[in-house]
PDB file of N, CA and C in Angstrom:
ATOM      1  N   MET A   1      -9.956   2.556 -25.505  1.00  0.00           N
ATOM      2  CA  MET A   1      -9.440   2.442 -26.385  1.00  0.00           C
ATOM      3  C   MET A   1      -9.123   0.794 -27.064  1.00  0.00           C
ATOM      4  N   PRO A   2      -9.671   0.614 -28.181  1.00  0.00           N
ATOM      5  CA  PRO A   2      -8.781  -0.249 -28.553  1.00  0.00           C
ATOM      6  C   PRO A   2      -7.503  -0.998 -28.961  1.00  0.00           C
ATOM      7  N   ARG A   3      -7.161  -1.947 -28.927  1.00  0.00           N
ATOM      8  CA  ARG A   3      -5.816  -2.192 -29.870  1.00  0.00           C
ATOM      9  C   ARG A   3      -6.117  -1.369 -30.780  1.00  0.00           C
ATOM     10  N   ARG A   4      -3.921  -0.776 -31.326  1.00  0.00           N
ATOM     11  CA  ARG A   4      -4.783   0.100 -32.237  1.00  0.00           C
ATOM     12  C   ARG A   4      -2.683  -0.258 -33.109  1.00  0.00           C
ATOM     13  N   LEU A   5      -2.374  -0.347 -33.896  1.00  0.00           N
ATOM     14  CA  LEU A   5      -1.150  -0.252 -34.684  1.00  0.00           C
ATOM     15  C   LEU A   5      -0.375   0.778 -34.104  1.00  0.00           C
ATOM     16  N   TYR A   6       0.298   1.077 -33.627  1.00  0.00           N
ATOM     17  CA  TYR A   6       1.487   2.260 -33.519  1.00  0.00           C
ATOM     18  C   TYR A   6       3.203   2.572 -33.664  1.00  0.00           C
ATOM     19  N   ARG A   7       3.812   3.108 -35.078  1.00  0.00           N
ATOM     20  CA  ARG A   7       4.683   2.429 -34.947  1.00  0.00           C
ATOM     21  C   ARG A   7       5.936   4.158 -34.324  1.00  0.00           C
ATOM     22  N   PHE A   8       7.366   3.566 -33.602  1.00  0.00           N
ATOM     23  CA  PHE A   8       7.530   4.155 -32.532  1.00  0.00           C
ATOM     24  C   PHE A   8       8.585   4.814 -33.594  1.00  0.00           C
ATOM     25  N   HIS A   9       9.016   6.804 -34.246  1.00  0.00           N
ATOM     26  CA  HIS A   9       9.719   6.352 -34.567  1.00  0.00           C
ATOM     27  C   HIS A   9      11.142   7.165 -34.231  1.00  0.00           C
ATOM     28  N   CYS A  10      11.978   7.010 -34.072  1.00  0.00           N
ATOM     29  CA  CYS A  10      13.572   8.367 -33.535  1.00  0.00           C
ATOM     30  C   CYS A  10      14.003   9.378 -34.202  1.00  0.00           C
ATOM     31  N   LEU A  11      13.608   9.942 -33.847  1.00  0.00           N
ATOM     32  CA  LEU A  11      14.725  11.053 -34.604  1.00  0.00           C
ATOM     33  C   LEU A  11      15.665  12.968 -34.005  1.00  0.00           C
ATOM     34  N   GLY A  12      17.293  12.641 -34.836  1.00  0.00           N
ATOM     35  CA  GLY A  12      17.581  13.753 -33.998  1.00  0.00           C
ATOM     36  C   GLY A  12      18.542  13.877 -34.781  1.00  0.00           C
ATOM     37  N   GLY A  13      18.719  14.755 -34.557  1.00  0.00           N
ATOM     38  CA  GLY A  13      20.529  15.104 -34.872  1.00  0.00           C
ATOM     39  C   GLY A  13      20.226  14.129 -36.567  1.00  0.00           C
ATOM     40  N   GLY A  14      19.555  15.053 -37.791  1.00  0.00           N
ATOM     41  CA  GLY A  14      19.929  14.190 -39.034  1.00  0.00           C
ATOM     42  C   GLY A  14      19.503  12.588 -39.035  1.00  0.00           C
ATOM     43  N   ASP A  15      19.629  12.272 -38.124  1.00  0.00           N
ATOM     44  CA  ASP A  15      19.647  10.966 -38.432  1.00  0.00           C
ATOM     45  C   ASP A  15      18.244   9.645 -38.117  1.00  0.00           C
ATOM     46  N   ALA A  16      17.711   8.764 -37.635  1.00  0.00           N
ATOM     47  CA  ALA A  16      16.628   8.652 -38.047  1.00  0.00           C
ATOM     48  C   ALA A  16      17.061   7.180 -37.627  1.00  0.00           C
ATOM     49  N   VAL A  17      15.846   6.137 -36.845  1.00  0.00           N
ATOM     50  CA  VAL A  17      15.680   5.273 -36.287  1.00  0.00           C
ATOM     51  C   VAL A  17      13.976   4.916 -37.081  1.00  0.00           C
ATOM     52  N   PHE A  18      13.485   4.163 -37.460  1.00  0.00           N
ATOM     53  CA  PHE A  18      12.587   4.046 -38.171  1.00  0.00           C
ATOM     54  C   PHE A  18      11.705   2.348 -37.742  1.00  0.00           C
ATOM     55  N   ASP A  19      10.751   2.842 -37.482  1.00  0.00           N
ATOM     56  CA  ASP A  19      10.234   1.062 -36.677  1.00  0.00           C
ATOM     57  C   ASP A  19       9.194   0.919 -37.799  1.00  0.00           C
ATOM     58  N   LEU A  20       9.847  -0.446 -38.544  1.00  0.00           N
ATOM     59  CA  LEU A  20       9.108  -1.001 -39.603  1.00  0.00           C
ATOM     60  C   LEU A  20       7.944  -1.810 -39.724  1.00  0.00           C
ATOM     61  N   GLN A  21       7.870  -2.375 -37.992  1.00  0.00           N
ATOM     62  CA  GLN A  21       7.180  -3.924 -37.440  1.00  0.00           C
ATOM     63  C   GLN A  21       5.681  -2.676 -36.733  1.00  0.00           C
ATOM     64  N   GLY A  22       5.899  -1.841 -35.857  1.00  0.00           N
ATOM     65  CA  GLY A  22       5.014  -1.700 -35.076  1.00  0.00           C
ATOM     66  C   GLY A  22       4.574  -1.936 -33.245  1.00  0.00           C
ATOM     67  N   ARG A  23       3.673  -1.325 -33.144  1.00  0.00           N
ATOM     68  CA  ARG A  23       3.080  -2.056 -32.094  1.00  0.00           C
ATOM     69  C   ARG A  23       2.159  -2.326 -31.456  1.00  0.00           C
ATOM     70  N   TRP A  24       1.203  -3.604 -31.221  1.00  0.00           N
ATOM     71  CA  TRP A  24      -0.168  -3.062 -30.835  1.00  0.00           C
ATOM     72  C   TRP A  24      -0.270  -2.707 -29.048  1.00  0.00           C
ATOM     73  N   LEU A  25      -1.354  -2.252 -28.815  1.00  0.00           N
ATOM     74  CA  LEU A  25      -1.598  -1.098 -27.931  1.00  0.00           C
ATOM     75  C   LEU A  25      -2.996  -0.649 -28.379  1.00  0.00           C
ATOM     76  N   SER A  26      -3.201  -0.294 -26.909  1.00  0.00           N
ATOM     77  CA  SER A  26      -4.949   0.065 -26.122  1.00  0.00           C
ATOM     78  C   SER A  26      -5.074   1.206 -25.567  1.00  0.00           C
ATOM     79  N   SER A  27      -3.956   1.925 -25.036  1.00  0.00           N
ATOM     80  CA  SER A  27      -3.565   3.319 -24.206  1.00  0.00           C
ATOM     81  C   SER A  27      -2.996   4.123 -25.017  1.00  0.00           C
ATOM     82  N   ILE A  28      -3.144   5.755 -23.900  1.00  0.00           N
ATOM     83  CA  ILE A  28      -2.099   5.974 -24.237  1.00  0.00           C
ATOM     84  C   ILE A  28      -1.020   6.443 -23.272  1.00  0.00           C
ATOM     85  N   ARG A  29      -1.080   5.408 -22.119  1.00  0.00           N
ATOM     86  CA  ARG A  29      -0.744   4.825 -20.451  1.00  0.00           C
ATOM     87  C   ARG A  29       0.770   3.932 -21.214  1.00  0.00           C
ATOM     88  N   GLU A  30      -0.185   3.020 -21.917  1.00  0.00           N
ATOM     89  CA  GLU A  30       0.347   2.121 -22.633  1.00  0.00           C
ATOM     90  C   GLU A  30       1.779   2.495 -23.553  1.00  0.00           C
ATOM     91  N   ILE A  31       1.219   3.465 -24.432  1.00  0.00           N
ATOM     92  CA  ILE A  31       1.873   4.686 -26.401  1.00  0.00           C
ATOM     93  C   ILE A  31       3.200   5.162 -25.008  1.00  0.00           C
ATOM     94  N   ARG A  32       2.717   5.779 -24.199  1.00  0.00           N
ATOM     95  CA  ARG A  32       3.981   5.989 -23.830  1.00  0.00           C
ATOM     96  C   ARG A  32       5.289   5.935 -23.502  1.00  0.00           C
ATOM     97  N   GLN A  33       4.177   4.494 -22.363  1.00  0.00           N
ATOM     98  CA  GLN A  33       5.366   2.931 -21.520  1.00  0.00           C
ATOM     99  C   GLN A  33       5.990   2.831 -22.813  1.00  0.00           C
ATOM    100  N   HIS A  34       5.864   2.516 -23.365  1.00  0.00           N
ATOM    101  CA  HIS A  34       6.605   1.585 -24.645  1.00  0.00           C
ATOM    102  C   HIS A  34       7.508   2.510 -25.883  1.00  0.00           C
ATOM    103  N   ALA A  35       7.117   4.005 -25.851  1.00  0.00           N
ATOM    104  CA  ALA A  35       8.075   5.166 -26.562  1.00  0.00           C
ATOM    105  C   ALA A  35       8.760   5.067 -24.983  1.00  0.00           C
ATOM    106  N   ASP A  36       8.308   5.306 -23.686  1.00  0.00           N
ATOM    107  CA  ASP A  36      10.036   5.084 -23.336  1.00  0.00           C
ATOM    108  C   ASP A  36      10.696   4.546 -23.161  1.00  0.00           C
ATOM    109  N   ARG A  37      10.446   2.757 -23.725  1.00  0.00           N
ATOM    110  CA  ARG A  37      11.551   1.730 -23.233  1.00  0.00           C
ATOM    111  C   ARG A  37      11.913   1.647 -24.814  1.00  0.00           C
ATOM    112  N   VAL A  38      11.835   2.185 -25.291  1.00  0.00           N
ATOM    113  CA  VAL A  38      12.170   2.388 -27.310  1.00  0.00           C
ATOM    114  C   VAL A  38      13.346   3.126 -27.335  1.00  0.00           C
ATOM    115  N   ALA A  39      13.381   4.613 -26.506  1.00  0.00           N
ATOM    116  CA  ALA A  39      14.195   5.520 -26.057  1.00  0.00           C
ATOM    117  C   ALA A  39      14.893   5.002 -25.408  1.00  0.00           C
ATOM    118  N   LEU A  40      15.263   4.236 -24.934  1.00  0.00           N
ATOM    119  CA  LEU A  40      15.887   4.007 -23.308  1.00  0.00           C
ATOM    120  C   LEU A  40      16.538   3.060 -23.800  1.00  0.00           C
ATOM    121  N   GLY A  41      16.042   1.866 -24.741  1.00  0.00           N
ATOM    122  CA  GLY A  41      16.863   1.117 -25.709  1.00  0.00           C
ATOM    123  C   GLY A  41      18.375   1.545 -27.010  1.00  0.00           C
ATOM    124  N   LEU A  42      17.350   2.831 -27.355  1.00  0.00           N
ATOM    125  CA  LEU A  42      18.486   2.929 -28.408  1.00  0.00           C
ATOM    126  C   LEU A  42      19.227   3.677 -27.234  1.00  0.00           C
ATOM    127  N   MET A  43      19.124   4.965 -26.397  1.00  0.00           N
ATOM    128  CA  MET A  43      20.066   5.581 -25.609  1.00  0.00           C
ATOM    129  C   MET A  43      21.126   4.285 -25.109  1.00  0.00           C
ATOM    130  N   GLU A  44      20.774   3.417 -24.269  1.00  0.00           N
ATOM    131  CA  GLU A  44      21.646   2.364 -24.660  1.00  0.00           C
ATOM    132  C   GLU A  44      22.357   1.250 -25.040  1.00  0.00           C
ATOM    133  N   GLY A  45      22.054   1.110 -26.257  1.00  0.00           N
ATOM    134  CA  GLY A  45      22.923   0.434 -27.158  1.00  0.00           C
ATOM    135  C   GLY A  45      23.997   0.740 -28.188  1.00  0.00           C
ATOM    136  N   VAL A  46      23.985   2.589 -28.293  1.00  0.00           N
ATOM    137  CA  VAL A  46      24.002   3.209 -29.395  1.00  0.00           C
ATOM    138  C   VAL A  46      25.547   3.991 -28.329  1.00  0.00           C
ATOM    139  N   GLY A  47      25.728   4.413 -27.538  1.00  0.00           N
ATOM    140  CA  GLY A  47      27.058   5.156 -27.209  1.00  0.00           C
ATOM    141  C   GLY A  47      26.907   6.142 -26.670  1.00  0.00           C
ATOM    142  N   CYS A  48      27.862   7.220 -26.650  1.00  0.00           N
ATOM    143  CA  CYS A  48      27.966   8.655 -27.076  1.00  0.00           C
ATOM    144  C   CYS A  48      26.980   9.257 -27.970  1.00  0.00           C
ATOM    145  N   GLN A  49      25.743   9.698 -27.735  1.00  0.00           N
ATOM    146  CA  GLN A  49      24.852  10.364 -28.731  1.00  0.00           C
ATOM    147  C   GLN A  49      24.818  11.945 -28.110  1.00  0.00           C
ATOM    148  N   ASP A  50      24.678  12.827 -28.466  1.00  0.00           N
ATOM    149  CA  ASP A  50      23.964  14.354 -27.943  1.00  0.00           C
ATOM    150  C   ASP A  50      22.325  13.661 -27.781  1.00  0.00           C
ATOM    151  N   TRP A  51      21.585  13.056 -27.227  1.00  0.00           N
ATOM    152  CA  TRP A  51      20.028  11.887 -26.468  1.00  0.00           C
ATOM    153  C   TRP A  51      19.574  14.558 -26.654  1.00  0.00           C
ATOM    154  N   THR A  52      19.783  15.333 -26.314  1.00  0.00           N
ATOM    155  CA  THR A  52      19.168  15.933 -26.011  1.00  0.00           C
ATOM    156  C   THR A  52      17.822  16.178 -27.503  1.00  0.00           C
ATOM    157  N   VAL A  53      19.108  16.502 -28.388  1.00  0.00           N
ATOM    158  CA  VAL A  53      18.420  16.387 -29.460  1.00  0.00           C
ATOM    159  C   VAL A  53      17.273  14.533 -30.544  1.00  0.00           C
ATOM    160  N   TRP A  54      17.015  14.791 -29.690  1.00  0.00           N
ATOM    161  CA  TRP A  54      16.305  13.189 -30.213  1.00  0.00           C
ATOM    162  C   TRP A  54      14.992  13.346 -29.605  1.00  0.00           C
ATOM    163  N   SER A  55      13.886  12.512 -30.243  1.00  0.00           N
ATOM    164  CA  SER A  55      12.275  12.588 -29.928  1.00  0.00           C
ATOM    165  C   SER A  55      12.673  11.262 -30.427  1.00  0.00           C
ATOM    166  N   VAL A  56      10.874  10.693 -29.665  1.00  0.00           N
ATOM    167  CA  VAL A  56      10.322   9.933 -30.018  1.00  0.00           C
ATOM    168  C   VAL A  56       8.959  10.466 -30.799  1.00  0.00           C
ATOM    169  N   ASP A  57       8.456   9.855 -32.383  1.00  0.00           N
ATOM    170  CA  ASP A  57       7.469  10.000 -33.398  1.00  0.00           C
ATOM    171  C   ASP A  57       6.597   8.891 -33.045  1.00  0.00           C
ATOM    172  N   VAL A  58       5.618   9.335 -32.628  1.00  0.00           N
ATOM    173  CA  VAL A  58       5.116   7.500 -32.672  1.00  0.00           C
ATOM    174  C   VAL A  58       3.829   8.505 -33.630  1.00  0.00           C
ATOM    175  N   ARG A  59       3.117   7.626 -34.472  1.00  0.00           N
ATOM    176  CA  ARG A  59       2.420   8.406 -35.752  1.00  0.00           C
ATOM    177  C   ARG A  59       1.494   6.279 -35.055  1.00  0.00           C
ATOM    178  N   ASP A  60       0.210   6.355 -35.726  1.00  0.00           N
ATOM    179  CA  ASP A  60      -0.822   5.270 -35.539  1.00  0.00           C
ATOM    180  C   ASP A  60      -0.506   4.687 -37.192  1.00  0.00           C
ATOM    181  N   ALA A  61      -1.506   3.730 -37.624  1.00  0.00           N
ATOM    182  CA  ALA A  61      -1.182   2.589 -38.704  1.00  0.00           C
ATOM    183  C   ALA A  61      -1.427   3.988 -40.086  1.00  0.00           C
ATOM    184  N   ALA A  62      -2.247   4.855 -39.934  1.00  0.00           N
ATOM    185  CA  ALA A  62      -2.275   5.621 -40.989  1.00  0.00           C
ATOM    186  C   ALA A  62      -1.683   6.705 -41.152  1.00  0.00           C
ATOM    187  N   GLY A  63       0.015   6.700 -40.475  1.00  0.00           N
ATOM    188  CA  GLY A  63       0.660   7.485 -40.149  1.00  0.00           C
ATOM    189  C   GLY A  63       0.130   9.121 -39.425  1.00  0.00           C
ATOM    190  N   ARG A  64      -0.567   8.553 -39.455  1.00  0.00           N
ATOM    191  CA  ARG A  64      -1.554  10.877 -38.281  1.00  0.00           C
ATOM    192  C   ARG A  64      -0.393  10.208 -36.219  1.00  0.00           C
ATOM    193  N   PRO A  65      -0.055  11.421 -35.968  1.00  0.00           N
ATOM    194  CA  PRO A  65       1.313  12.204 -35.240  1.00  0.00           C
ATOM    195  C   PRO A  65      -0.099  10.709 -34.044  1.00  0.00           C
ATOM    196  N   VAL A  66       0.846  10.730 -32.877  1.00  0.00           N
ATOM    197  CA  VAL A  66      -0.486   9.967 -31.778  1.00  0.00           C
ATOM    198  C   VAL A  66       1.121  11.215 -30.127  1.00  0.00           C
ATOM    199  N   LEU A  67       1.868  11.215 -30.828  1.00  0.00           N
ATOM    200  CA  LEU A  67       2.916  10.866 -29.408  1.00  0.00           C
ATOM    201  C   LEU A  67       4.130  11.927 -29.780  1.00  0.00           C
ATOM    202  N   PHE A  68       4.788  12.387 -29.383  1.00  0.00           N
ATOM    203  CA  PHE A  68       6.247  13.515 -29.389  1.00  0.00           C
ATOM    204  C   PHE A  68       6.692  13.361 -28.521  1.00  0.00           C
ATOM    205  N   ARG A  69       7.628  12.276 -27.830  1.00  0.00           N
ATOM    206  CA  ARG A  69       8.203  12.429 -26.896  1.00  0.00           C
ATOM    207  C   ARG A  69       9.578  12.856 -26.741  1.00  0.00           C
ATOM    208  N   ALA A  70      10.054  13.649 -26.099  1.00  0.00           N
ATOM    209  CA  ALA A  70      12.049  14.058 -26.366  1.00  0.00           C
ATOM    210  C   ALA A  70      12.589  13.314 -25.353  1.00  0.00           C
ATOM    211  N   PHE A  71      13.527  12.798 -25.930  1.00  0.00           N
ATOM    212  CA  PHE A  71      13.695  11.865 -25.081  1.00  0.00           C
ATOM    213  C   PHE A  71      14.832  12.227 -24.014  1.00  0.00           C
ATOM    214  N   THR A  72      14.567  13.442 -23.909  1.00  0.00           N
ATOM    215  CA  THR A  72      14.901  14.182 -22.002  1.00  0.00           C
ATOM    216  C   THR A  72      13.962  14.117 -21.042  1.00  0.00           C
ATOM    217  N   ALA A  73      12.573  13.805 -21.789  1.00  0.00           N
ATOM    218  CA  ALA A  73      11.335  13.574 -21.143  1.00  0.00           C
ATOM    219  C   ALA A  73      11.320  11.764 -20.692  1.00  0.00           C
ATOM    220  N   VAL A  74      12.282  11.262 -21.564  1.00  0.00           N
ATOM    221  CA  VAL A  74      11.130  10.016 -20.559  1.00  0.00           C
ATOM    222  C   VAL A  74      11.599   9.334 -19.313  1.00  0.00           C
ATOM    223  N   ARG A  75      10.753   8.335 -19.055  1.00  0.00           N
ATOM    224  CA  ARG A  75      10.758   8.527 -17.564  1.00  0.00           C
ATOM    225  C   ARG A  75      11.660   7.121 -17.210  1.00  0.00           C
ATOM    226  N   VAL A  76      12.978   6.990 -16.450  1.00  0.00           N
ATOM    227  CA  VAL A  76      14.033   6.233 -15.857  1.00  0.00           C
ATOM    228  C   VAL A  76      13.572   5.559 -14.313  1.00  0.00           C
ATOM    229  N   GLY A  77      13.202   5.010 -14.303  1.00  0.00           N
ATOM    230  CA  GLY A  77      12.292   4.387 -12.752  1.00  0.00           C
ATOM    231  C   GLY A  77      11.620   4.851 -12.155  1.00  0.00           C
ATOM    232  N   GLY A  78      10.305   6.141 -13.097  1.00  0.00           N
ATOM    233  CA  GLY A  78       9.090   6.804 -12.404  1.00  0.00           C
ATOM    234  C   GLY A  78      10.039   7.954 -12.028  1.00  0.00           C
ATOM    235  N   THR A  79      11.023   8.354 -13.088  1.00  0.00           N
ATOM    236  CA  THR A  79      11.873   9.507 -12.705  1.00  0.00           C
ATOM    237  C   THR A  79      12.403  10.275 -14.469  1.00  0.00           C
ATOM    238  N   SER A  80      12.129  11.340 -14.349  1.00  0.00           N
ATOM    239  CA  SER A  80      12.843  12.073 -15.552  1.00  0.00           C
ATOM    240  C   SER A  80      14.071  11.877 -16.004  1.00  0.00           C
ATOM    241  N   ALA A  81      14.338  11.684 -16.996  1.00  0.00           N
ATOM    242  CA  ALA A  81      15.738  11.097 -17.512  1.00  0.00           C
ATOM    243  C   ALA A  81      16.625  12.719 -17.194  1.00  0.00           C
TER     244      ALA A  81
END
């Protein structure tokens, strides 16, 4: 799979954090791992929230959906959050 630009938007509870920069990645495994890092970074940085309603919506450069990952499915050190 060639390297492509993906954007990792976080959505939940009527709020959103949009990825305006994106990340160049080359496999679905890399995309999933980065989605987990994005979710963990937001959860660590914001504090108390109901993260059960949040998800990472990954889109390619054309805006097509690639991956939708609930924060509750995020992998933390090899296990789900």
